[in-house]
Amino acid sequence: MVRTYQPDRPVPVELVTRALDLATRSPTAGFTQGWDFVVLRTHERRALFWAATTDPHADPDPWLQGMRTAPVLVLCLSDPRRYLDRYAEPDKGWTDRDENRWPVPYWDVDTGMAAFALLLSAVDSGLGACFFGVRPEDQAAVLEAFGAPADRRIVGVVSLGYAAPDRRSPSLRRGRRPLSEVAHDGRFGTAWDGDRASAERGA
């Protein structure tokens, strides 16, 4: 996650287009594709975003100062209604459009996977990128600022640009949780052991 960019080095449009194209190839429940991507490429558009999401009277912290250098912001919006309508079609048949039928909000999950594709495309193209959220109390203002329908949900924002030198995030001191702690073999609490699994397969 890159949090400081070279502000005077623009991102080629073709790289943004490639990233967006890859994002739209992410999997979606029912092939619903209930997402929208609002690309902010000009100083005026990005300034409008930051004005809608930050306190103009507060001194910007280092994170905000760095993120404001990103030459491109991509707002990743999900569309719950599109999913509810899609699953009311004959091949799905949930005509009541009840959100409680969904084990998790797949409109947000799918849009999150698309955002991840944006991140991967950025790295593959030699760019830096960061995924960050928009506070619940700021979502309506952001949607209104960019003419988006009020029923959209801002799953997150992806910043794009060429990375500038920056300090390592202090959060990295936490270290990466080991695979044996987060992956479970057959039952929660039984740590995944790749060597053991390979041996069992060969037995």
N, C-alpha and C. Protein backbone atom coordinates (compact mmCIF):
# COMPACT_ATOMS: atom_id res chain seq x y z
N MET A 1 0.84 -1.18 0.00
CA MET A 1 0.00 0.00 0.00
C MET A 1 0.88 1.25 0.00
N VAL A 2 0.88 1.97 -1.10
CA VAL A 2 1.71 3.17 -1.26
C VAL A 2 0.91 4.38 -0.82
N ARG A 3 1.50 5.18 0.06
CA ARG A 3 0.77 6.33 0.62
C ARG A 3 1.37 7.68 0.25
N THR A 4 2.43 7.67 -0.54
CA THR A 4 3.03 8.92 -1.00
C THR A 4 3.45 8.74 -2.46
N TYR A 5 3.09 9.71 -3.31
CA TYR A 5 3.28 9.58 -4.75
C TYR A 5 4.07 10.77 -5.30
N GLN A 6 4.54 10.60 -6.53
CA GLN A 6 5.18 11.69 -7.26
C GLN A 6 4.05 12.51 -7.92
N PRO A 7 3.68 13.64 -7.34
CA PRO A 7 2.47 14.35 -7.79
C PRO A 7 2.58 14.93 -9.20
N ASP A 8 3.79 15.18 -9.67
CA ASP A 8 3.97 15.79 -10.99
C ASP A 8 4.24 14.76 -12.08
N ARG A 9 4.09 13.49 -11.74
CA ARG A 9 4.29 12.44 -12.74
C ARG A 9 2.94 11.77 -13.01
N PRO A 10 2.27 12.15 -14.10
CA PRO A 10 0.93 11.63 -14.36
C PRO A 10 0.95 10.15 -14.70
N VAL A 11 -0.17 9.50 -14.43
CA VAL A 11 -0.34 8.09 -14.79
C VAL A 11 -0.87 8.03 -16.22
N PRO A 12 -0.19 7.32 -17.12
CA PRO A 12 -0.69 7.20 -18.49
C PRO A 12 -2.13 6.66 -18.52
N VAL A 13 -2.94 7.27 -19.36
CA VAL A 13 -4.35 6.88 -19.44
C VAL A 13 -4.48 5.40 -19.77
N GLU A 14 -3.59 4.88 -20.61
CA GLU A 14 -3.71 3.48 -21.00
C GLU A 14 -3.52 2.55 -19.82
N LEU A 15 -2.72 2.95 -18.82
CA LEU A 15 -2.55 2.11 -17.64
C LEU A 15 -3.80 2.14 -16.76
N VAL A 16 -4.44 3.30 -16.69
CA VAL A 16 -5.70 3.39 -15.95
C VAL A 16 -6.77 2.55 -16.64
N THR A 17 -6.84 2.63 -17.96
CA THR A 17 -7.81 1.85 -18.72
C THR A 17 -7.58 0.36 -18.53
N ARG A 18 -6.32 -0.06 -18.56
CA ARG A 18 -6.00 -1.48 -18.37
C ARG A 18 -6.44 -1.94 -16.99
N ALA A 19 -6.17 -1.12 -15.97
CA ALA A 19 -6.56 -1.49 -14.61
C ALA A 19 -8.08 -1.61 -14.49
N LEU A 20 -8.80 -0.68 -15.09
CA LEU A 20 -10.26 -0.72 -15.03
C LEU A 20 -10.79 -1.94 -15.77
N ASP A 21 -10.19 -2.25 -16.92
CA ASP A 21 -10.63 -3.41 -17.69
C ASP A 21 -10.44 -4.70 -16.90
N LEU A 22 -9.29 -4.81 -16.23
CA LEU A 22 -9.06 -6.00 -15.41
C LEU A 22 -10.03 -6.06 -14.24
N ALA A 23 -10.35 -4.91 -13.67
CA ALA A 23 -11.30 -4.89 -12.55
C ALA A 23 -12.65 -5.45 -12.98
N THR A 24 -13.08 -5.12 -14.20
CA THR A 24 -14.39 -5.58 -14.66
C THR A 24 -14.41 -7.06 -15.01
N ARG A 25 -13.26 -7.70 -14.95
CA ARG A 25 -13.19 -9.14 -15.20
C ARG A 25 -13.19 -9.95 -13.90
N SER A 26 -13.35 -9.26 -12.78
CA SER A 26 -13.43 -9.95 -11.50
C SER A 26 -14.74 -10.74 -11.42
N PRO A 27 -14.78 -11.79 -10.60
CA PRO A 27 -16.00 -12.58 -10.49
C PRO A 27 -17.10 -11.83 -9.76
N THR A 28 -18.34 -12.10 -10.16
CA THR A 28 -19.49 -11.51 -9.48
C THR A 28 -20.61 -12.54 -9.36
N ALA A 29 -21.33 -12.50 -8.26
CA ALA A 29 -22.46 -13.39 -8.05
C ALA A 29 -23.50 -13.17 -9.15
N GLY A 30 -23.91 -14.26 -9.81
CA GLY A 30 -24.91 -14.16 -10.86
C GLY A 30 -24.44 -13.35 -12.06
N PHE A 31 -23.12 -13.16 -12.18
CA PHE A 31 -22.56 -12.30 -13.22
C PHE A 31 -23.28 -10.95 -13.24
N THR A 32 -23.57 -10.45 -12.05
CA THR A 32 -24.37 -9.23 -11.90
C THR A 32 -23.57 -7.98 -12.27
N GLN A 33 -22.28 -7.98 -11.93
CA GLN A 33 -21.40 -6.85 -12.25
C GLN A 33 -21.95 -5.53 -11.68
N GLY A 34 -22.37 -5.60 -10.43
CA GLY A 34 -23.00 -4.43 -9.80
C GLY A 34 -22.00 -3.47 -9.22
N TRP A 35 -21.20 -2.88 -10.09
CA TRP A 35 -20.17 -1.95 -9.65
C TRP A 35 -20.10 -0.76 -10.59
N ASP A 36 -19.54 0.32 -10.09
CA ASP A 36 -19.22 1.50 -10.89
C ASP A 36 -17.89 2.04 -10.38
N PHE A 37 -17.12 2.63 -11.29
CA PHE A 37 -15.81 3.18 -10.93
C PHE A 37 -15.75 4.63 -11.40
N VAL A 38 -15.61 5.54 -10.46
CA VAL A 38 -15.53 6.97 -10.78
C VAL A 38 -14.05 7.35 -10.70
N VAL A 39 -13.48 7.73 -11.83
CA VAL A 39 -12.05 8.01 -11.92
C VAL A 39 -11.82 9.52 -11.82
N LEU A 40 -11.03 9.92 -10.84
CA LEU A 40 -10.74 11.33 -10.61
C LEU A 40 -9.30 11.59 -11.04
N ARG A 41 -9.13 12.28 -12.18
CA ARG A 41 -7.79 12.46 -12.76
C ARG A 41 -7.29 13.90 -12.72
N THR A 42 -8.15 14.85 -12.41
CA THR A 42 -7.71 16.25 -12.40
C THR A 42 -7.58 16.75 -10.97
N HIS A 43 -6.78 17.79 -10.82
CA HIS A 43 -6.60 18.37 -9.49
C HIS A 43 -7.95 18.81 -8.92
N GLU A 44 -8.80 19.40 -9.74
CA GLU A 44 -10.09 19.90 -9.27
C GLU A 44 -10.98 18.77 -8.76
N ARG A 45 -11.02 17.65 -9.48
CA ARG A 45 -11.85 16.52 -9.07
C ARG A 45 -11.33 15.90 -7.77
N ARG A 46 -10.03 15.75 -7.69
CA ARG A 46 -9.46 15.16 -6.47
C ARG A 46 -9.65 16.10 -5.27
N ALA A 47 -9.48 17.40 -5.51
CA ALA A 47 -9.69 18.36 -4.43
C ALA A 47 -11.13 18.30 -3.92
N LEU A 48 -12.06 18.08 -4.83
CA LEU A 48 -13.46 17.96 -4.44
C LEU A 48 -13.67 16.74 -3.54
N PHE A 49 -12.99 15.65 -3.87
CA PHE A 49 -13.08 14.46 -3.04
C PHE A 49 -12.53 14.72 -1.64
N TRP A 50 -11.33 15.31 -1.57
CA TRP A 50 -10.73 15.54 -0.26
C TRP A 50 -11.54 16.55 0.54
N ALA A 51 -12.15 17.51 -0.13
CA ALA A 51 -13.00 18.47 0.58
C ALA A 51 -14.22 17.80 1.19
N ALA A 52 -14.72 16.77 0.52
CA ALA A 52 -15.92 16.07 1.00
C ALA A 52 -15.60 15.07 2.10
N THR A 53 -14.32 14.74 2.29
CA THR A 53 -13.98 13.67 3.23
C THR A 53 -13.07 14.11 4.36
N THR A 54 -12.65 15.37 4.38
CA THR A 54 -11.74 15.81 5.44
C THR A 54 -12.23 17.12 6.05
N ASP A 55 -11.80 17.36 7.25
CA ASP A 55 -12.15 18.59 7.97
C ASP A 55 -11.26 19.72 7.46
N PRO A 56 -11.84 20.75 6.85
CA PRO A 56 -11.03 21.84 6.29
C PRO A 56 -10.30 22.66 7.35
N HIS A 57 -10.73 22.55 8.60
CA HIS A 57 -10.12 23.34 9.68
C HIS A 57 -9.01 22.59 10.42
N ALA A 58 -8.88 21.30 10.12
CA ALA A 58 -7.87 20.49 10.81
C ALA A 58 -6.59 20.46 9.99
N ASP A 59 -5.47 20.44 10.68
CA ASP A 59 -4.19 20.29 9.99
C ASP A 59 -4.08 18.87 9.46
N PRO A 60 -3.72 18.72 8.18
CA PRO A 60 -3.63 17.37 7.62
C PRO A 60 -2.52 16.56 8.28
N ASP A 61 -2.81 15.31 8.60
CA ASP A 61 -1.80 14.44 9.18
C ASP A 61 -0.90 13.90 8.07
N PRO A 62 0.19 13.22 8.42
CA PRO A 62 1.12 12.72 7.39
C PRO A 62 0.46 11.81 6.37
N TRP A 63 -0.49 10.97 6.83
CA TRP A 63 -1.18 10.08 5.90
C TRP A 63 -1.91 10.89 4.84
N LEU A 64 -2.68 11.88 5.28
CA LEU A 64 -3.47 12.68 4.34
C LEU A 64 -2.55 13.49 3.42
N GLN A 65 -1.48 14.04 3.96
CA GLN A 65 -0.55 14.79 3.12
C GLN A 65 0.01 13.92 2.01
N GLY A 66 0.35 12.68 2.36
CA GLY A 66 0.87 11.77 1.35
C GLY A 66 -0.18 11.36 0.33
N MET A 67 -1.38 11.02 0.81
CA MET A 67 -2.42 10.54 -0.09
C MET A 67 -2.88 11.63 -1.05
N ARG A 68 -2.83 12.86 -0.62
CA ARG A 68 -3.23 13.96 -1.50
C ARG A 68 -2.27 14.14 -2.69
N THR A 69 -1.13 13.47 -2.67
CA THR A 69 -0.21 13.55 -3.80
C THR A 69 -0.57 12.57 -4.91
N ALA A 70 -1.52 11.68 -4.67
CA ALA A 70 -1.88 10.69 -5.70
C ALA A 70 -2.51 11.38 -6.90
N PRO A 71 -2.02 11.13 -8.11
CA PRO A 71 -2.57 11.78 -9.30
C PRO A 71 -3.88 11.18 -9.79
N VAL A 72 -4.24 9.99 -9.29
CA VAL A 72 -5.49 9.36 -9.70
C VAL A 72 -6.15 8.74 -8.47
N LEU A 73 -7.45 8.96 -8.35
CA LEU A 73 -8.28 8.28 -7.36
C LEU A 73 -9.42 7.57 -8.10
N VAL A 74 -9.68 6.34 -7.72
CA VAL A 74 -10.78 5.58 -8.31
C VAL A 74 -11.77 5.23 -7.20
N LEU A 75 -12.97 5.80 -7.28
CA LEU A 75 -14.01 5.47 -6.31
C LEU A 75 -14.66 4.17 -6.76
N CYS A 76 -14.70 3.19 -5.88
CA CYS A 76 -15.27 1.87 -6.19
C CYS A 76 -16.64 1.77 -5.52
N LEU A 77 -17.69 1.81 -6.33
CA LEU A 77 -19.06 1.84 -5.82
C LEU A 77 -19.76 0.52 -6.09
N SER A 78 -20.51 0.06 -5.11
CA SER A 78 -21.34 -1.13 -5.32
C SER A 78 -22.80 -0.73 -5.46
N ASP A 79 -23.56 -1.59 -6.12
CA ASP A 79 -24.97 -1.31 -6.44
C ASP A 79 -25.84 -2.45 -5.91
N PRO A 80 -26.27 -2.36 -4.65
CA PRO A 80 -27.09 -3.45 -4.08
C PRO A 80 -28.34 -3.75 -4.89
N ARG A 81 -29.01 -2.73 -5.39
CA ARG A 81 -30.27 -2.93 -6.10
C ARG A 81 -30.08 -3.81 -7.33
N ARG A 82 -28.96 -3.66 -8.01
CA ARG A 82 -28.71 -4.48 -9.20
C ARG A 82 -28.67 -5.97 -8.82
N TYR A 83 -28.11 -6.29 -7.65
CA TYR A 83 -28.07 -7.68 -7.21
C TYR A 83 -29.45 -8.18 -6.83
N LEU A 84 -30.19 -7.35 -6.11
CA LEU A 84 -31.52 -7.78 -5.70
C LEU A 84 -32.42 -8.00 -6.92
N ASP A 85 -32.29 -7.15 -7.92
CA ASP A 85 -33.06 -7.32 -9.15
C ASP A 85 -32.59 -8.55 -9.93
N ARG A 86 -31.27 -8.75 -9.99
CA ARG A 86 -30.73 -9.90 -10.73
C ARG A 86 -31.23 -11.20 -10.13
N TYR A 87 -31.27 -11.28 -8.80
CA TYR A 87 -31.68 -12.52 -8.16
C TYR A 87 -33.20 -12.67 -8.07
N ALA A 88 -33.92 -11.70 -8.60
CA ALA A 88 -35.38 -11.85 -8.76
C ALA A 88 -35.73 -12.34 -10.16
N GLU A 89 -34.72 -12.52 -11.01
CA GLU A 89 -34.96 -13.04 -12.36
C GLU A 89 -35.28 -14.53 -12.30
N PRO A 90 -35.89 -15.07 -13.37
CA PRO A 90 -36.39 -16.46 -13.32
C PRO A 90 -35.35 -17.51 -12.94
N ASP A 91 -34.08 -17.34 -13.35
CA ASP A 91 -33.09 -18.37 -13.05
C ASP A 91 -32.64 -18.35 -11.60
N LYS A 92 -33.01 -17.31 -10.86
CA LYS A 92 -32.68 -17.23 -9.44
C LYS A 92 -33.94 -17.30 -8.58
N GLY A 93 -34.91 -16.44 -8.87
CA GLY A 93 -36.23 -16.58 -8.31
C GLY A 93 -36.51 -16.03 -6.93
N TRP A 94 -35.63 -15.16 -6.40
CA TRP A 94 -35.90 -14.55 -5.10
C TRP A 94 -36.69 -13.27 -5.33
N THR A 95 -37.95 -13.41 -5.64
CA THR A 95 -38.74 -12.25 -6.09
C THR A 95 -39.02 -11.24 -5.00
N ASP A 96 -38.82 -11.60 -3.73
CA ASP A 96 -39.08 -10.64 -2.65
C ASP A 96 -37.97 -9.61 -2.50
N ARG A 97 -36.82 -9.84 -3.15
CA ARG A 97 -35.69 -8.91 -3.08
C ARG A 97 -35.26 -8.62 -1.63
N ASP A 98 -35.29 -9.64 -0.81
CA ASP A 98 -34.96 -9.49 0.60
C ASP A 98 -33.45 -9.58 0.79
N GLU A 99 -32.84 -8.51 1.29
CA GLU A 99 -31.39 -8.51 1.52
C GLU A 99 -30.98 -9.55 2.55
N ASN A 100 -31.90 -9.96 3.42
CA ASN A 100 -31.57 -10.93 4.47
C ASN A 100 -31.30 -12.32 3.91
N ARG A 101 -31.65 -12.57 2.65
CA ARG A 101 -31.35 -13.86 2.03
C ARG A 101 -29.84 -14.03 1.81
N TRP A 102 -29.12 -12.91 1.75
CA TRP A 102 -27.71 -12.97 1.40
C TRP A 102 -26.87 -13.22 2.65
N PRO A 103 -26.00 -14.22 2.63
CA PRO A 103 -25.18 -14.50 3.82
C PRO A 103 -24.22 -13.35 4.14
N VAL A 104 -23.74 -12.68 3.11
CA VAL A 104 -22.94 -11.46 3.23
C VAL A 104 -23.34 -10.56 2.06
N PRO A 105 -23.11 -9.26 2.12
CA PRO A 105 -23.48 -8.38 1.00
C PRO A 105 -22.54 -8.58 -0.18
N TYR A 106 -22.93 -9.48 -1.10
CA TYR A 106 -22.05 -9.80 -2.21
C TYR A 106 -21.77 -8.61 -3.12
N TRP A 107 -22.63 -7.61 -3.11
CA TRP A 107 -22.35 -6.42 -3.91
C TRP A 107 -21.07 -5.74 -3.43
N ASP A 108 -20.85 -5.76 -2.11
CA ASP A 108 -19.63 -5.18 -1.57
C ASP A 108 -18.44 -6.12 -1.75
N VAL A 109 -18.68 -7.43 -1.58
CA VAL A 109 -17.61 -8.41 -1.76
C VAL A 109 -17.07 -8.35 -3.19
N ASP A 110 -17.98 -8.37 -4.15
CA ASP A 110 -17.56 -8.37 -5.55
C ASP A 110 -16.82 -7.08 -5.92
N THR A 111 -17.31 -5.95 -5.42
CA THR A 111 -16.64 -4.69 -5.71
C THR A 111 -15.27 -4.65 -5.03
N GLY A 112 -15.16 -5.26 -3.85
CA GLY A 112 -13.86 -5.36 -3.20
C GLY A 112 -12.88 -6.20 -4.02
N MET A 113 -13.36 -7.29 -4.63
CA MET A 113 -12.48 -8.08 -5.47
C MET A 113 -12.05 -7.29 -6.70
N ALA A 114 -12.95 -6.48 -7.24
CA ALA A 114 -12.58 -5.64 -8.38
C ALA A 114 -11.52 -4.61 -7.98
N ALA A 115 -11.67 -4.07 -6.77
CA ALA A 115 -10.66 -3.12 -6.28
C ALA A 115 -9.31 -3.81 -6.14
N PHE A 116 -9.32 -5.06 -5.71
CA PHE A 116 -8.07 -5.79 -5.59
C PHE A 116 -7.43 -6.00 -6.96
N ALA A 117 -8.26 -6.24 -7.97
CA ALA A 117 -7.73 -6.36 -9.33
C ALA A 117 -7.07 -5.05 -9.77
N LEU A 118 -7.66 -3.93 -9.38
CA LEU A 118 -7.03 -2.63 -9.66
C LEU A 118 -5.65 -2.56 -9.03
N LEU A 119 -5.55 -2.99 -7.78
CA LEU A 119 -4.27 -2.96 -7.07
C LEU A 119 -3.23 -3.84 -7.77
N LEU A 120 -3.64 -5.05 -8.16
CA LEU A 120 -2.72 -5.96 -8.82
C LEU A 120 -2.27 -5.41 -10.16
N SER A 121 -3.19 -4.82 -10.90
CA SER A 121 -2.84 -4.23 -12.19
C SER A 121 -1.84 -3.10 -12.01
N ALA A 122 -2.04 -2.30 -10.97
CA ALA A 122 -1.12 -1.19 -10.71
C ALA A 122 0.29 -1.70 -10.47
N VAL A 123 0.42 -2.70 -9.60
CA VAL A 123 1.74 -3.26 -9.31
C VAL A 123 2.36 -3.84 -10.57
N ASP A 124 1.56 -4.55 -11.36
CA ASP A 124 2.06 -5.16 -12.59
C ASP A 124 2.54 -4.11 -13.59
N SER A 125 1.97 -2.89 -13.52
CA SER A 125 2.33 -1.81 -14.44
C SER A 125 3.43 -0.91 -13.89
N GLY A 126 3.97 -1.25 -12.72
CA GLY A 126 5.03 -0.44 -12.14
C GLY A 126 4.53 0.77 -11.38
N LEU A 127 3.24 0.77 -11.04
CA LEU A 127 2.66 1.86 -10.28
C LEU A 127 2.59 1.51 -8.80
N GLY A 128 2.34 2.52 -8.00
CA GLY A 128 2.00 2.33 -6.61
C GLY A 128 0.49 2.50 -6.46
N ALA A 129 -0.07 1.89 -5.44
CA ALA A 129 -1.51 1.99 -5.22
C ALA A 129 -1.83 1.78 -3.76
N CYS A 130 -3.01 2.25 -3.36
CA CYS A 130 -3.47 2.06 -1.99
C CYS A 130 -4.99 1.96 -2.00
N PHE A 131 -5.52 1.07 -1.19
CA PHE A 131 -6.97 0.97 -1.00
C PHE A 131 -7.31 1.56 0.36
N PHE A 132 -8.28 2.46 0.38
CA PHE A 132 -8.70 3.05 1.65
C PHE A 132 -10.19 3.31 1.62
N GLY A 133 -10.76 3.51 2.79
CA GLY A 133 -12.21 3.65 2.90
C GLY A 133 -12.66 5.09 3.02
N VAL A 134 -13.97 5.26 2.94
CA VAL A 134 -14.63 6.55 3.15
C VAL A 134 -15.55 6.38 4.36
N ARG A 135 -15.40 7.28 5.33
CA ARG A 135 -16.20 7.18 6.56
C ARG A 135 -17.69 7.18 6.24
N PRO A 136 -18.49 6.43 7.01
CA PRO A 136 -19.93 6.39 6.76
C PRO A 136 -20.57 7.78 6.70
N GLU A 137 -20.12 8.69 7.57
CA GLU A 137 -20.72 10.02 7.61
C GLU A 137 -20.34 10.88 6.41
N ASP A 138 -19.36 10.43 5.62
CA ASP A 138 -18.95 11.19 4.43
C ASP A 138 -19.48 10.61 3.13
N GLN A 139 -20.06 9.43 3.18
CA GLN A 139 -20.44 8.75 1.94
C GLN A 139 -21.45 9.55 1.11
N ALA A 140 -22.48 10.05 1.75
CA ALA A 140 -23.51 10.78 1.01
C ALA A 140 -22.93 12.01 0.33
N ALA A 141 -22.04 12.72 1.02
CA ALA A 141 -21.44 13.92 0.44
C ALA A 141 -20.58 13.58 -0.77
N VAL A 142 -19.86 12.48 -0.70
CA VAL A 142 -19.02 12.08 -1.83
C VAL A 142 -19.89 11.68 -3.02
N LEU A 143 -20.91 10.89 -2.78
CA LEU A 143 -21.81 10.49 -3.87
C LEU A 143 -22.43 11.71 -4.53
N GLU A 144 -22.88 12.65 -3.72
CA GLU A 144 -23.50 13.86 -4.27
C GLU A 144 -22.48 14.69 -5.04
N ALA A 145 -21.27 14.81 -4.52
CA ALA A 145 -20.24 15.63 -5.16
C ALA A 145 -19.94 15.17 -6.57
N PHE A 146 -20.08 13.85 -6.83
CA PHE A 146 -19.72 13.33 -8.14
C PHE A 146 -20.93 12.81 -8.92
N GLY A 147 -22.12 13.21 -8.49
CA GLY A 147 -23.32 12.90 -9.24
C GLY A 147 -23.70 11.44 -9.24
N ALA A 148 -23.23 10.67 -8.25
CA ALA A 148 -23.56 9.25 -8.18
C ALA A 148 -24.91 9.06 -7.50
N PRO A 149 -25.67 8.04 -7.90
CA PRO A 149 -26.96 7.78 -7.24
C PRO A 149 -26.79 7.56 -5.74
N ALA A 150 -27.75 8.02 -4.99
CA ALA A 150 -27.67 7.94 -3.53
C ALA A 150 -27.71 6.51 -3.01
N ASP A 151 -28.17 5.55 -3.84
CA ASP A 151 -28.25 4.17 -3.36
C ASP A 151 -26.96 3.39 -3.57
N ARG A 152 -25.94 4.02 -4.12
CA ARG A 152 -24.65 3.34 -4.26
C ARG A 152 -23.92 3.33 -2.92
N ARG A 153 -23.04 2.35 -2.76
CA ARG A 153 -22.21 2.24 -1.55
C ARG A 153 -20.75 2.38 -1.96
N ILE A 154 -20.03 3.23 -1.26
CA ILE A 154 -18.60 3.40 -1.55
C ILE A 154 -17.85 2.32 -0.78
N VAL A 155 -17.46 1.28 -1.49
CA VAL A 155 -16.74 0.18 -0.85
C VAL A 155 -15.33 0.63 -0.48
N GLY A 156 -14.75 1.48 -1.31
CA GLY A 156 -13.43 2.01 -1.03
C GLY A 156 -12.93 2.84 -2.18
N VAL A 157 -11.74 3.36 -2.02
CA VAL A 157 -11.09 4.19 -3.03
C VAL A 157 -9.70 3.61 -3.28
N VAL A 158 -9.31 3.56 -4.55
CA VAL A 158 -7.97 3.13 -4.92
C VAL A 158 -7.21 4.34 -5.44
N SER A 159 -6.10 4.66 -4.80
CA SER A 159 -5.22 5.71 -5.30
C SER A 159 -4.17 5.07 -6.20
N LEU A 160 -3.82 5.79 -7.26
CA LEU A 160 -2.84 5.29 -8.23
C LEU A 160 -1.80 6.37 -8.52
N GLY A 161 -0.58 5.95 -8.74
CA GLY A 161 0.48 6.89 -9.10
C GLY A 161 1.83 6.21 -9.02
N TYR A 162 2.86 6.98 -9.25
CA TYR A 162 4.21 6.47 -9.12
C TYR A 162 4.69 6.75 -7.70
N ALA A 163 5.17 5.71 -7.05
CA ALA A 163 5.53 5.81 -5.64
C ALA A 163 6.67 6.80 -5.42
N ALA A 164 6.57 7.54 -4.33
CA ALA A 164 7.64 8.43 -3.87
C ALA A 164 8.24 7.82 -2.61
N PRO A 165 9.48 8.17 -2.28
CA PRO A 165 10.07 7.64 -1.05
C PRO A 165 9.20 7.97 0.16
N ASP A 166 9.05 7.02 1.04
CA ASP A 166 8.21 7.22 2.22
C ASP A 166 8.70 6.30 3.32
N ARG A 167 8.32 6.62 4.54
CA ARG A 167 8.66 5.76 5.67
C ARG A 167 7.79 4.52 5.65
N ARG A 168 8.29 3.44 6.19
CA ARG A 168 7.50 2.22 6.30
C ARG A 168 6.37 2.42 7.31
N SER A 169 5.26 1.83 7.04
CA SER A 169 4.13 1.95 7.95
C SER A 169 4.47 1.34 9.30
N PRO A 170 4.19 2.05 10.40
CA PRO A 170 4.44 1.47 11.72
C PRO A 170 3.64 0.20 11.97
N SER A 171 2.54 0.04 11.26
CA SER A 171 1.71 -1.15 11.44
C SER A 171 2.46 -2.43 11.06
N LEU A 172 3.47 -2.30 10.19
CA LEU A 172 4.21 -3.49 9.75
C LEU A 172 4.97 -4.15 10.90
N ARG A 173 5.16 -3.40 11.99
CA ARG A 173 5.83 -3.99 13.15
C ARG A 173 5.03 -5.15 13.74
N ARG A 174 3.76 -5.18 13.43
CA ARG A 174 2.92 -6.26 13.94
C ARG A 174 3.33 -7.60 13.36
N GLY A 175 3.97 -7.57 12.20
CA GLY A 175 4.39 -8.81 11.56
C GLY A 175 3.23 -9.52 10.87
N ARG A 176 3.57 -10.40 9.97
CA ARG A 176 2.56 -11.17 9.25
C ARG A 176 2.19 -12.41 10.05
N ARG A 177 0.90 -12.64 10.22
CA ARG A 177 0.47 -13.85 10.94
C ARG A 177 0.89 -15.08 10.15
N PRO A 178 1.46 -16.06 10.80
CA PRO A 178 1.95 -17.24 10.09
C PRO A 178 0.80 -18.07 9.53
N LEU A 179 1.10 -18.78 8.45
CA LEU A 179 0.09 -19.61 7.81
C LEU A 179 -0.47 -20.63 8.79
N SER A 180 0.39 -21.15 9.67
CA SER A 180 -0.06 -22.16 10.63
C SER A 180 -1.08 -21.61 11.61
N GLU A 181 -1.16 -20.28 11.71
CA GLU A 181 -2.11 -19.67 12.64
C GLU A 181 -3.44 -19.33 11.97
N VAL A 182 -3.40 -19.03 10.67
CA VAL A 182 -4.62 -18.55 10.00
C VAL A 182 -5.26 -19.59 9.09
N ALA A 183 -4.51 -20.64 8.70
CA ALA A 183 -5.06 -21.69 7.84
C ALA A 183 -5.31 -22.94 8.67
N HIS A 184 -6.49 -23.52 8.51
CA HIS A 184 -6.91 -24.65 9.33
C HIS A 184 -7.17 -25.85 8.42
N ASP A 185 -6.72 -27.00 8.83
CA ASP A 185 -6.80 -28.20 8.02
C ASP A 185 -7.96 -29.08 8.46
N GLY A 186 -9.07 -28.96 7.75
CA GLY A 186 -10.21 -29.84 8.02
C GLY A 186 -11.08 -29.43 9.18
N ARG A 187 -10.54 -28.74 10.14
CA ARG A 187 -11.29 -28.34 11.32
C ARG A 187 -10.61 -27.12 11.94
N PHE A 188 -11.40 -26.17 12.38
CA PHE A 188 -10.83 -24.97 12.99
C PHE A 188 -9.96 -25.36 14.18
N GLY A 189 -8.76 -24.81 14.21
CA GLY A 189 -7.84 -25.11 15.30
C GLY A 189 -6.80 -26.14 14.95
N THR A 190 -7.00 -26.86 13.84
CA THR A 190 -5.98 -27.79 13.36
C THR A 190 -5.14 -27.05 12.34
N ALA A 191 -3.92 -26.70 12.73
CA ALA A 191 -3.09 -25.85 11.88
C ALA A 191 -2.75 -26.53 10.57
N TRP A 192 -2.80 -25.75 9.51
CA TRP A 192 -2.39 -26.24 8.20
C TRP A 192 -0.88 -26.50 8.21
N ASP A 193 -0.52 -27.68 7.74
CA ASP A 193 0.89 -28.06 7.62
C ASP A 193 1.08 -28.62 6.22
N GLY A 194 1.68 -27.79 5.34
CA GLY A 194 1.83 -28.20 3.95
C GLY A 194 2.65 -29.46 3.78
N ASP A 195 3.70 -29.61 4.60
CA ASP A 195 4.53 -30.81 4.50
C ASP A 195 3.73 -32.06 4.88
N ARG A 196 2.95 -31.94 5.94
CA ARG A 196 2.14 -33.08 6.37
C ARG A 196 1.10 -33.42 5.33
N ALA A 197 0.45 -32.37 4.75
CA ALA A 197 -0.57 -32.61 3.74
C ALA A 197 0.02 -33.29 2.51
N SER A 198 1.24 -32.88 2.13
CA SER A 198 1.91 -33.51 0.97
C SER A 198 2.22 -34.97 1.27
N ALA A 199 2.68 -35.22 2.49
CA ALA A 199 3.02 -36.59 2.86
C ALA A 199 1.78 -37.48 2.87
N GLU A 200 0.67 -36.94 3.37
CA GLU A 200 -0.58 -37.70 3.40
C GLU A 200 -1.06 -38.01 1.99
N ARG A 201 -0.87 -37.05 1.09
CA ARG A 201 -1.32 -37.24 -0.28
C ARG A 201 -0.49 -38.34 -0.97
N GLY A 202 0.82 -38.39 -0.60
CA GLY A 202 1.68 -39.39 -1.23
C GLY A 202 1.60 -40.74 -0.58
N ALA A 203 0.93 -40.81 0.58
CA ALA A 203 0.88 -42.10 1.30
C ALA A 203 -0.02 -43.10 0.60
